[in-house]
C-alpha atoms as a PDB file:
ATOM      1  CA  UNK A   1       0.069 -74.816  -3.993  1.00  0.00           C
ATOM      2  CA  UNK A   2       3.675 -75.971  -5.167  1.00  0.00           C
ATOM      3  CA  UNK A   3       4.068 -78.945  -7.266  1.00  0.00           C
ATOM      4  CA  UNK A   4       6.371 -81.149  -5.354  1.00  0.00           C
ATOM      5  CA  UNK A   5       7.207 -83.149  -8.589  1.00  0.00           C
ATOM      6  CA  UNK A   6       8.777 -79.920  -9.744  1.00  0.00           C
ATOM      7  CA  UNK A   7      11.100 -79.398  -6.777  1.00  0.00           C
ATOM      8  CA  UNK A   8      14.749 -78.948  -6.906  1.00  0.00           C
ATOM      9  CA  UNK A   9      16.497 -79.294  -3.478  1.00  0.00           C
ATOM     10  CA  UNK A  10      19.549 -76.695  -3.544  1.00  0.00           C
ATOM     11  CA  UNK A  11      20.623 -77.733   0.068  1.00  0.00           C
ATOM     12  CA  UNK A  12      19.733 -79.436   3.223  1.00  0.00           C
ATOM     13  CA  UNK A  13      21.232 -79.315   6.693  1.00  0.00           C
ATOM     14  CA  UNK A  14      20.375 -80.400  10.134  1.00  0.00           C
ATOM     15  CA  UNK A  15      20.237 -77.723  12.897  1.00  0.00           C
ATOM     16  CA  UNK A  16      19.178 -77.435  16.593  1.00  0.00           C
ATOM     17  CA  UNK A  17      17.453 -74.451  17.691  1.00  0.00           C
ATOM     18  CA  UNK A  18      17.522 -73.256  21.314  1.00  0.00           C
ATOM     19  CA  UNK A  19      14.022 -73.995  22.972  1.00  0.00           C
ATOM     20  CA  UNK A  20      12.387 -72.990  26.291  1.00  0.00           C
ATOM     21  CA  UNK A  21      12.934 -74.967  29.317  1.00  0.00           C
ATOM     22  CA  UNK A  22      11.303 -78.409  29.465  1.00  0.00           C
ATOM     23  CA  UNK A  23       9.787 -80.007  32.642  1.00  0.00           C
ATOM     24  CA  UNK A  24      13.090 -81.278  33.947  1.00  0.00           C
ATOM     25  CA  UNK A  25      14.630 -77.988  33.777  1.00  0.00           C
ATOM     26  CA  UNK A  26      11.633 -76.114  35.322  1.00  0.00           C
ATOM     27  CA  UNK A  27      11.598 -78.405  38.166  1.00  0.00           C
ATOM     28  CA  UNK A  28      15.267 -77.429  39.089  1.00  0.00           C
ATOM     29  CA  UNK A  29      14.143 -73.615  39.365  1.00  0.00           C
ATOM     30  CA  UNK A  30      13.199 -72.209  42.771  1.00  0.00           C
ATOM     31  CA  UNK A  31       9.756 -70.856  43.407  1.00  0.00           C
ATOM     32  CA  UNK A  32      10.867 -67.301  43.197  1.00  0.00           C
ATOM     33  CA  UNK A  33      12.588 -68.052  39.691  1.00  0.00           C
ATOM     34  CA  UNK A  34       9.237 -69.655  38.693  1.00  0.00           C
ATOM     35  CA  UNK A  35       7.315 -66.798  39.796  1.00  0.00           C
ATOM     36  CA  UNK A  36       9.588 -64.349  37.820  1.00  0.00           C
ATOM     37  CA  UNK A  37       9.180 -66.483  34.736  1.00  0.00           C
ATOM     38  CA  UNK A  38       5.229 -66.502  34.842  1.00  0.00           C
ATOM     39  CA  UNK A  39       5.197 -62.842  35.248  1.00  0.00           C
ATOM     40  CA  UNK A  40       7.505 -62.351  32.206  1.00  0.00           C
ATOM     41  CA  UNK A  41       5.244 -64.724  30.238  1.00  0.00           C
ATOM     42  CA  UNK A  42       2.382 -62.418  31.175  1.00  0.00           C
ATOM     43  CA  UNK A  43       0.645 -64.540  33.662  1.00  0.00           C
ATOM     44  CA  UNK A  44      -1.479 -62.456  36.088  1.00  0.00           C
ATOM     45  CA  UNK A  45       0.124 -62.096  39.546  1.00  0.00           C
ATOM     46  CA  UNK A  46      -3.202 -62.828  41.199  1.00  0.00           C
ATOM     47  CA  UNK A  47      -3.498 -66.196  39.606  1.00  0.00           C
ATOM     48  CA  UNK A  48      -0.287 -67.186  41.447  1.00  0.00           C
ATOM     49  CA  UNK A  49      -0.833 -65.294  44.795  1.00  0.00           C
ATOM     50  CA  UNK A  50      -4.409 -66.802  45.222  1.00  0.00           C
ATOM     51  CA  UNK A  51      -3.021 -70.410  45.605  1.00  0.00           C
ATOM     52  CA  UNK A  52      -2.113 -70.707  49.305  1.00  0.00           C
ATOM     53  CA  UNK A  53      -0.646 -74.197  49.054  1.00  0.00           C
ATOM     54  CA  UNK A  54       2.928 -73.760  48.303  1.00  0.00           C
ATOM     55  CA  UNK A  55       3.293 -77.257  46.320  1.00  0.00           C
ATOM     56  CA  UNK A  56      -0.003 -76.451  44.388  1.00  0.00           C
ATOM     57  CA  UNK A  57       1.341 -73.053  43.435  1.00  0.00           C
ATOM     58  CA  UNK A  58       4.485 -74.580  42.356  1.00  0.00           C
ATOM     59  CA  UNK A  59       2.721 -77.319  40.098  1.00  0.00           C
ATOM     60  CA  UNK A  60       0.507 -74.537  38.701  1.00  0.00           C
ATOM     61  CA  UNK A  61       3.449 -72.331  37.725  1.00  0.00           C
ATOM     62  CA  UNK A  62       5.362 -75.211  36.043  1.00  0.00           C
ATOM     63  CA  UNK A  63       2.193 -76.127  34.138  1.00  0.00           C
ATOM     64  CA  UNK A  64       1.471 -72.740  33.005  1.00  0.00           C
ATOM     65  CA  UNK A  65       5.111 -72.235  31.855  1.00  0.00           C
ATOM     66  CA  UNK A  66       4.739 -75.305  29.631  1.00  0.00           C
ATOM     67  CA  UNK A  67       1.507 -74.296  28.330  1.00  0.00           C
ATOM     68  CA  UNK A  68       2.240 -70.689  27.495  1.00  0.00           C
ATOM     69  CA  UNK A  69       5.976 -71.384  26.345  1.00  0.00           C
ATOM     70  CA  UNK A  70       6.297 -75.135  25.443  1.00  0.00           C
ATOM     71  CA  UNK A  71       9.914 -76.578  24.869  1.00  0.00           C
ATOM     72  CA  UNK A  72       9.598 -76.500  21.207  1.00  0.00           C
ATOM     73  CA  UNK A  73      10.841 -74.156  18.591  1.00  0.00           C
ATOM     74  CA  UNK A  74       8.529 -71.558  17.037  1.00  0.00           C
ATOM     75  CA  UNK A  75       6.791 -72.615  13.719  1.00  0.00           C
ATOM     76  CA  UNK A  76       8.565 -70.827  10.671  1.00  0.00           C
ATOM     77  CA  UNK A  77       6.722 -70.176   7.672  1.00  0.00           C
ATOM     78  CA  UNK A  78       8.587 -70.720   4.140  1.00  0.00           C
ATOM     79  CA  UNK A  79      10.725 -67.654   3.258  1.00  0.00           C
ATOM     80  CA  UNK A  80      10.861 -66.504  -0.358  1.00  0.00           C
ATOM     81  CA  UNK A  81      14.546 -65.727  -0.879  1.00  0.00           C
ATOM     82  CA  UNK A  82      14.569 -65.355  -4.715  1.00  0.00           C
ATOM     83  CA  UNK A  83      12.389 -65.202  -7.793  1.00  0.00           C
ATOM     84  CA  UNK A  84      13.678 -65.536 -11.458  1.00  0.00           C
ATOM     85  CA  UNK A  85      11.357 -64.593 -14.413  1.00  0.00           C
ATOM     86  CA  UNK A  86      11.193 -66.090 -17.731  1.00  0.00           C
ATOM     87  CA  UNK A  87       8.824 -63.827 -19.628  1.00  0.00           C
ATOM     88  CA  UNK A  88       9.430 -65.692 -22.816  1.00  0.00           C
ATOM     89  CA  UNK A  89       8.102 -68.922 -21.622  1.00  0.00           C
ATOM     90  CA  UNK A  90       5.800 -67.492 -19.142  1.00  0.00           C
ATOM     91  CA  UNK A  91       7.381 -69.207 -16.153  1.00  0.00           C
ATOM     92  CA  UNK A  92       9.158 -67.997 -13.105  1.00  0.00           C
ATOM     93  CA  UNK A  93      11.435 -70.050 -10.691  1.00  0.00           C
ATOM     94  CA  UNK A  94      10.920 -69.264  -6.985  1.00  0.00           C
ATOM     95  CA  UNK A  95      13.527 -70.229  -4.201  1.00  0.00           C
ATOM     96  CA  UNK A  96      12.116 -70.820  -0.764  1.00  0.00           C
ATOM     97  CA  UNK A  97      13.834 -71.650   2.651  1.00  0.00           C
ATOM     98  CA  UNK A  98      12.047 -74.248   4.781  1.00  0.00           C
ATOM     99  CA  UNK A  99      12.488 -75.214   8.282  1.00  0.00           C
ATOM    100  CA  UNK A 100      10.873 -78.468   9.376  1.00  0.00           C
ATOM    101  CA  UNK A 101      11.011 -79.528  13.185  1.00  0.00           C
ATOM    102  CA  UNK A 102      11.472 -83.240  13.963  1.00  0.00           C
ATOM    103  CA  UNK A 103      10.327 -84.624  17.073  1.00  0.00           C
ATOM    104  CA  UNK A 104      10.751 -87.938  18.881  1.00  0.00           C
ATOM    105  CA  UNK A 105       8.062 -90.270  17.916  1.00  0.00           C
ATOM    106  CA  UNK A 106       7.878 -91.894  21.379  1.00  0.00           C
ATOM    107  CA  UNK A 107       8.018 -88.906  23.836  1.00  0.00           C
ATOM    108  CA  UNK A 108       7.324 -86.149  21.413  1.00  0.00           C
ATOM    109  CA  UNK A 109      10.360 -84.054  22.517  1.00  0.00           C
ATOM    110  CA  UNK A 110      12.053 -81.893  20.070  1.00  0.00           C
ATOM    111  CA  UNK A 111      14.993 -83.400  18.429  1.00  0.00           C
ATOM    112  CA  UNK A 112      16.410 -81.261  15.672  1.00  0.00           C
ATOM    113  CA  UNK A 113      15.172 -79.259  12.565  1.00  0.00           C
ATOM    114  CA  UNK A 114      15.806 -79.633   8.929  1.00  0.00           C
ATOM    115  CA  UNK A 115      16.825 -76.350   7.067  1.00  0.00           C
ATOM    116  CA  UNK A 116      16.448 -76.786   3.194  1.00  0.00           C
ATOM    117  CA  UNK A 117      16.357 -74.417   0.261  1.00  0.00           C
ATOM    118  CA  UNK A 118      14.211 -75.769  -2.623  1.00  0.00           C
ATOM    119  CA  UNK A 119      13.490 -74.206  -5.992  1.00  0.00           C
ATOM    120  CA  UNK A 120      10.168 -74.535  -7.849  1.00  0.00           C
ATOM    121  CA  UNK A 121       9.256 -73.646 -11.570  1.00  0.00           C
ATOM    122  CA  UNK A 122       5.648 -72.567 -11.801  1.00  0.00           C
ATOM    123  CA  UNK A 123       3.545 -70.649 -14.512  1.00  0.00           C
ATOM    124  CA  UNK A 124       3.869 -67.010 -14.713  1.00  0.00           C
ATOM    125  CA  UNK A 125       0.321 -65.380 -14.475  1.00  0.00           C
ATOM    126  CA  UNK A 126      -0.727 -62.367 -16.593  1.00  0.00           C
ATOM    127  CA  UNK A 127      -1.211 -60.134 -13.738  1.00  0.00           C
ATOM    128  CA  UNK A 128       2.213 -61.005 -12.400  1.00  0.00           C
ATOM    129  CA  UNK A 129       3.583 -60.162 -15.757  1.00  0.00           C
ATOM    130  CA  UNK A 130       1.977 -56.888 -15.682  1.00  0.00           C
ATOM    131  CA  UNK A 131       3.225 -56.080 -12.108  1.00  0.00           C
ATOM    132  CA  UNK A 132       6.700 -57.253 -13.142  1.00  0.00           C
ATOM    133  CA  UNK A 133       6.759 -54.953 -16.329  1.00  0.00           C
ATOM    134  CA  UNK A 134       5.447 -51.983 -14.226  1.00  0.00           C
ATOM    135  CA  UNK A 135       8.150 -52.420 -11.818  1.00  0.00           C
ATOM    136  CA  UNK A 136      10.721 -52.663 -14.363  1.00  0.00           C
ATOM    137  CA  UNK A 137       9.413 -49.369 -16.164  1.00  0.00           C
ATOM    138  CA  UNK A 138       9.456 -47.667 -12.815  1.00  0.00           C
ATOM    139  CA  UNK A 139      13.017 -48.569 -12.067  1.00  0.00           C
ATOM    140  CA  UNK A 140      14.094 -47.382 -15.497  1.00  0.00           C
ATOM    141  CA  UNK A 141      12.560 -44.193 -14.873  1.00  0.00           C
ATOM    142  CA  UNK A 142      14.007 -43.861 -11.446  1.00  0.00           C
ATOM    143  CA  UNK A 143      17.633 -44.537 -12.825  1.00  0.00           C
ATOM    144  CA  UNK A 144      16.841 -41.585 -15.331  1.00  0.00           C
ATOM    145  CA  UNK A 145      15.619 -39.156 -12.564  1.00  0.00           C
ATOM    146  CA  UNK A 146      18.700 -40.037 -10.348  1.00  0.00           C
ATOM    147  CA  UNK A 147      20.851 -38.330 -13.079  1.00  0.00           C
ATOM    148  CA  UNK A 148      18.978 -35.175 -12.975  1.00  0.00           C
ATOM    149  CA  UNK A 149      20.043 -31.897 -11.086  1.00  0.00           C
ATOM    150  CA  UNK A 150      16.964 -31.708  -8.867  1.00  0.00           C
ATOM    151  CA  UNK A 151      17.308 -28.004  -8.740  1.00  0.00           C
ATOM    152  CA  UNK A 152      16.470 -27.745 -12.447  1.00  0.00           C
ATOM    153  CA  UNK A 153      13.165 -29.370 -11.636  1.00  0.00           C
ATOM    154  CA  UNK A 154      11.131 -27.152  -9.072  1.00  0.00           C
ATOM    155  CA  UNK A 155       8.666 -25.654 -11.597  1.00  0.00           C
ATOM    156  CA  UNK A 156       5.504 -26.994 -12.994  1.00  0.00           C
ATOM    157  CA  UNK A 157       6.901 -26.378 -16.611  1.00  0.00           C
ATOM    158  CA  UNK A 158      10.141 -28.320 -15.807  1.00  0.00           C
ATOM    159  CA  UNK A 159       8.237 -31.232 -14.442  1.00  0.00           C
ATOM    160  CA  UNK A 160       5.683 -31.436 -17.297  1.00  0.00           C
ATOM    161  CA  UNK A 161       8.764 -31.162 -19.834  1.00  0.00           C
ATOM    162  CA  UNK A 162      10.318 -34.341 -18.254  1.00  0.00           C
ATOM    163  CA  UNK A 163       7.170 -36.103 -18.081  1.00  0.00           C
ATOM    164  CA  UNK A 164       5.778 -35.240 -21.475  1.00  0.00           C
ATOM    165  CA  UNK A 165       8.336 -34.091 -23.925  1.00  0.00           C
ATOM    166  CA  UNK A 166       9.151 -37.739 -25.021  1.00  0.00           C
ATOM    167  CA  UNK A 167       6.632 -39.205 -27.188  1.00  0.00           C
ATOM    168  CA  UNK A 168       5.499 -41.859 -24.460  1.00  0.00           C
ATOM    169  CA  UNK A 169       1.948 -43.001 -23.722  1.00  0.00           C
ATOM    170  CA  UNK A 170      -0.211 -40.763 -21.480  1.00  0.00           C
ATOM    171  CA  UNK A 171      -0.047 -43.367 -18.784  1.00  0.00           C
ATOM    172  CA  UNK A 172       3.849 -43.610 -18.698  1.00  0.00           C
ATOM    173  CA  UNK A 173       4.029 -39.658 -18.930  1.00  0.00           C
ATOM    174  CA  UNK A 174       1.894 -39.609 -15.739  1.00  0.00           C
ATOM    175  CA  UNK A 175       4.078 -42.368 -14.171  1.00  0.00           C
ATOM    176  CA  UNK A 176       7.151 -40.188 -15.024  1.00  0.00           C
ATOM    177  CA  UNK A 177       5.358 -37.246 -13.280  1.00  0.00           C
ATOM    178  CA  UNK A 178       4.359 -38.938 -10.220  1.00  0.00           C
ATOM    179  CA  UNK A 179       7.968 -40.621  -9.727  1.00  0.00           C
ATOM    180  CA  UNK A 180       9.756 -37.426 -10.325  1.00  0.00           C
ATOM    181  CA  UNK A 181       7.797 -35.413  -7.885  1.00  0.00           C
ATOM    182  CA  UNK A 182       8.123 -38.227  -5.085  1.00  0.00           C
ATOM    183  CA  UNK A 183      11.788 -38.205  -5.667  1.00  0.00           C
ATOM    184  CA  UNK A 184      12.105 -34.500  -5.506  1.00  0.00           C
ATOM    185  CA  UNK A 185      10.247 -34.429  -2.284  1.00  0.00           C
ATOM    186  CA  UNK A 186      12.476 -37.139  -0.821  1.00  0.00           C
ATOM    187  CA  UNK A 187      15.629 -35.284  -1.742  1.00  0.00           C
ATOM    188  CA  UNK A 188      14.312 -32.206  -0.340  1.00  0.00           C
ATOM    189  CA  UNK A 189      13.632 -33.983   2.937  1.00  0.00           C
ATOM    190  CA  UNK A 190      17.109 -35.240   2.924  1.00  0.00           C
ATOM    191  CA  UNK A 191      18.759 -31.891   2.367  1.00  0.00           C
ATOM    192  CA  UNK A 192      16.727 -30.467   5.190  1.00  0.00           C
ATOM    193  CA  UNK A 193      17.632 -33.000   7.609  1.00  0.00           C
ATOM    194  CA  UNK A 194      21.419 -32.988   6.628  1.00  0.00           C
ATOM    195  CA  UNK A 195      21.525 -29.307   7.228  1.00  0.00           C
ATOM    196  CA  UNK A 196      19.786 -29.591  10.652  1.00  0.00           C
ATOM    197  CA  UNK A 197      22.242 -32.467  11.508  1.00  0.00           C
ATOM    198  CA  UNK A 198      25.223 -30.327  10.497  1.00  0.00           C
ATOM    199  CA  UNK A 199      23.812 -27.350  12.558  1.00  0.00           C
ATOM    200  CA  UNK A 200      23.561 -29.702  15.659  1.00  0.00           C
ATOM    201  CA  UNK A 201      27.115 -31.227  15.153  1.00  0.00           C
ATOM    202  CA  UNK A 202      29.028 -28.204  14.232  1.00  0.00           C
ATOM    203  CA  UNK A 203      27.151 -25.248  15.400  1.00  0.00           C
ATOM    204  CA  UNK A 204      26.957 -23.660  12.098  1.00  0.00           C
ATOM    205  CA  UNK A 205      24.030 -21.532  11.651  1.00  0.00           C
ATOM    206  CA  UNK A 206      21.952 -22.763   8.675  1.00  0.00           C
ATOM    207  CA  UNK A 207      19.908 -19.800   8.655  1.00  0.00           C
ATOM    208  CA  UNK A 208      22.575 -17.554   7.010  1.00  0.00           C
ATOM    209  CA  UNK A 209      21.863 -16.063   3.833  1.00  0.00           C
ATOM    210  CA  UNK A 210      24.311 -18.681   1.946  1.00  0.00           C
ATOM    211  CA  UNK A 211      22.372 -21.715   3.407  1.00  0.00           C
ATOM    212  CA  UNK A 212      18.968 -20.132   2.911  1.00  0.00           C
ATOM    213  CA  UNK A 213      19.772 -19.628  -0.780  1.00  0.00           C
ATOM    214  CA  UNK A 214      20.839 -23.262  -1.074  1.00  0.00           C
ATOM    215  CA  UNK A 215      17.487 -24.606   0.510  1.00  0.00           C
ATOM    216  CA  UNK A 216      15.538 -21.881  -1.701  1.00  0.00           C
ATOM    217  CA  UNK A 217      17.512 -23.217  -4.823  1.00  0.00           C
ATOM    218  CA  UNK A 218      16.490 -26.773  -3.922  1.00  0.00           C
ATOM    219  CA  UNK A 219      13.022 -26.075  -2.481  1.00  0.00           C
ATOM    220  CA  UNK A 220      10.373 -28.311  -3.891  1.00  0.00           C
ATOM    221  CA  UNK A 221       6.619 -27.433  -4.120  1.00  0.00           C
ATOM    222  CA  UNK A 222       4.386 -30.331  -5.023  1.00  0.00           C
ATOM    223  CA  UNK A 223       2.557 -29.515  -8.191  1.00  0.00           C
ATOM    224  CA  UNK A 224      -0.885 -30.864  -9.099  1.00  0.00           C
ATOM    225  CA  UNK A 225      -0.906 -31.795 -12.650  1.00  0.00           C
ATOM    226  CA  UNK A 226      -3.820 -33.213 -14.202  1.00  0.00           C
ATOM    227  CA  UNK A 227      -4.356 -36.038 -16.892  1.00  0.00           C
ATOM    228  CA  UNK A 228      -5.917 -33.365 -19.337  1.00  0.00           C
ATOM    229  CA  UNK A 229      -2.638 -31.218 -18.835  1.00  0.00           C
ATOM    230  CA  UNK A 230      -0.493 -34.237 -19.654  1.00  0.00           C
ATOM    231  CA  UNK A 231      -2.701 -35.300 -22.742  1.00  0.00           C
ATOM    232  CA  UNK A 232      -2.465 -31.925 -24.365  1.00  0.00           C
ATOM    233  CA  UNK A 233       1.071 -31.069 -23.696  1.00  0.00           C
END
């Protein structure tokens, strides 16, 4: 739960959202229009057709329309739009977007909504810090991987070298191995899709020796590498 005493309002504005038709608007619809609306809302056809009295059927359709799709905006949950971390002070600042609907106190009709953006500073939990540091480490490794020539990393030996020949902990070595193999598989899938797309658009035969050599050069086979192999490398 957010501490409201720690709240900083960044912006606030009044907006009016479109809403489904209210009673007065529904009463202006024809019976045929009401039927179509009820069917679109998922009402069973037999529930309407089994009412023989036309006036009672009309009242039923209007009431069901108001029940299923009332003339109010949908409830909107707070949306997290930004998080800033201060690992030194073990705090984080979160920014949320809120939407609060305002109704008339007398007839309960929807009037408008208040859209606000608010900031809160809250304690940074240890498990959050661990996840943050893991994410930062993964991003750091991925940036390193993106600079590699993938055709040089299709063998078990080359993957082990990238993963382990660095003096890192066994945990980080394994992470490097997992991220590299995932990246290689993703890149291989992209190459295959691009060639297939080129074949469809230009009529070029990608099964020619030239293209097949390129595919073979970048072909990736997933290698099962154990923790023991990593630890003794």
